[in-house]
Amino acid sequence: MKPVIDSLIAAGLIGVGLLSVEVVFAAPMRCSGEQKTCITLCNKSPDRGSISICVTNCGLRQSLCMKTGCWDSGVQKYCGLLKQ
């Protein structure tokens, strides 16, 4: 009887592990989310005069992301984003 209980417990733990993996991948990154983050960072700039240029650059990066699925921050480029 004990091996059956151990098997059920192990199966339950594996099931819980699989559920947690699904939660991690449940919300894929989107181009629009990257643009919002970019604009937020622009608005935190101490140089108030450059905010407009920074926000414009975020829009250009978002437009490129919508075409390619890649976000290029100028420092780092990563792909596989949803074009939304």
Protein backbone atom coordinates (compact mmCIF):
# COMPACT_ATOMS: atom_id res chain seq x y z
CA MET A 1 0.00 0.00 0.00
CA LYS A 2 2.83 2.41 0.82
CA PRO A 3 4.36 2.27 -2.73
CA VAL A 4 0.96 3.20 -4.20
CA ILE A 5 0.69 6.23 -1.90
CA ASP A 6 4.26 7.24 -2.73
CA SER A 7 3.46 7.00 -6.45
CA LEU A 8 0.35 9.16 -6.03
CA ILE A 9 2.29 11.76 -4.09
CA ALA A 10 5.04 11.81 -6.73
CA ALA A 11 2.45 12.15 -9.52
CA GLY A 12 0.81 15.02 -7.65
CA LEU A 13 4.11 16.82 -7.21
CA ILE A 14 4.92 16.42 -10.89
CA GLY A 15 1.48 17.81 -11.75
CA VAL A 16 2.04 20.82 -9.50
CA GLY A 17 5.44 21.35 -11.11
CA LEU A 18 3.91 21.31 -14.58
CA LEU A 19 1.28 23.83 -13.55
CA SER A 20 3.93 26.19 -12.24
CA VAL A 21 5.84 25.93 -15.52
CA GLU A 22 2.70 26.86 -17.45
CA VAL A 23 2.22 29.91 -15.24
CA VAL A 24 5.75 31.12 -15.98
CA PHE A 25 5.13 31.00 -19.73
CA ALA A 26 1.50 32.14 -19.60
CA ALA A 27 2.19 35.78 -20.47
CA PRO A 28 4.61 36.11 -23.38
CA MET A 29 6.31 39.44 -23.91
CA ARG A 30 4.75 41.80 -26.43
CA CYS A 31 6.13 44.65 -28.50
CA SER A 32 3.58 47.01 -26.93
CA GLY A 33 4.76 46.08 -23.45
CA GLU A 34 8.33 46.91 -24.38
CA GLN A 35 7.21 50.28 -25.74
CA LYS A 36 5.42 51.08 -22.47
CA THR A 37 8.55 50.19 -20.52
CA CYS A 38 10.65 52.34 -22.87
CA ILE A 39 8.36 55.35 -22.41
CA THR A 40 8.35 54.88 -18.63
CA LEU A 41 12.15 54.98 -18.65
CA CYS A 42 12.07 58.11 -20.84
CA ASN A 43 9.81 59.87 -18.36
CA LYS A 44 12.26 59.12 -15.53
CA SER A 45 15.08 60.96 -17.32
CA PRO A 46 16.43 63.95 -15.39
CA ASP A 47 17.03 65.72 -18.75
CA ARG A 48 13.49 66.99 -19.40
CA GLY A 49 14.47 68.34 -22.83
CA SER A 50 15.33 64.92 -24.23
CA ILE A 51 12.10 63.19 -23.21
CA SER A 52 10.32 63.99 -26.48
CA ILE A 53 13.15 62.51 -28.56
CA CYS A 54 13.31 59.47 -26.31
CA VAL A 55 9.55 58.81 -26.62
CA THR A 56 9.80 59.21 -30.41
CA ASN A 57 12.60 56.63 -30.44
CA CYS A 58 10.40 54.26 -28.41
CA GLY A 59 7.73 54.58 -31.09
CA LEU A 60 10.25 53.83 -33.84
CA ARG A 61 11.52 50.79 -31.94
CA GLN A 62 7.96 49.59 -31.42
CA SER A 63 7.20 49.96 -35.11
CA LEU A 64 10.27 47.89 -35.98
CA CYS A 65 9.29 45.32 -33.36
CA MET A 66 5.84 44.99 -34.91
CA LYS A 67 7.50 44.12 -38.23
CA THR A 68 10.27 41.83 -36.98
CA GLY A 69 9.26 40.54 -33.54
CA CYS A 70 12.57 41.87 -32.20
CA TRP A 71 13.08 44.70 -29.72
CA ASP A 72 16.30 46.69 -30.05
CA SER A 73 16.94 48.94 -27.08
CA GLY A 74 20.14 50.29 -28.59
CA VAL A 75 22.12 48.31 -26.02
CA GLN A 76 20.47 44.93 -26.35
CA LYS A 77 18.44 43.17 -29.05
CA TYR A 78 16.14 40.25 -28.36
CA CYS A 79 13.61 38.49 -30.55
CA GLY A 80 10.61 36.23 -30.23
CA LEU A 81 8.19 38.91 -29.05
CA LEU A 82 4.53 38.87 -29.97
CA LYS A 83 3.79 41.57 -32.51
CA GLN A 84 1.09 43.19 -30.40
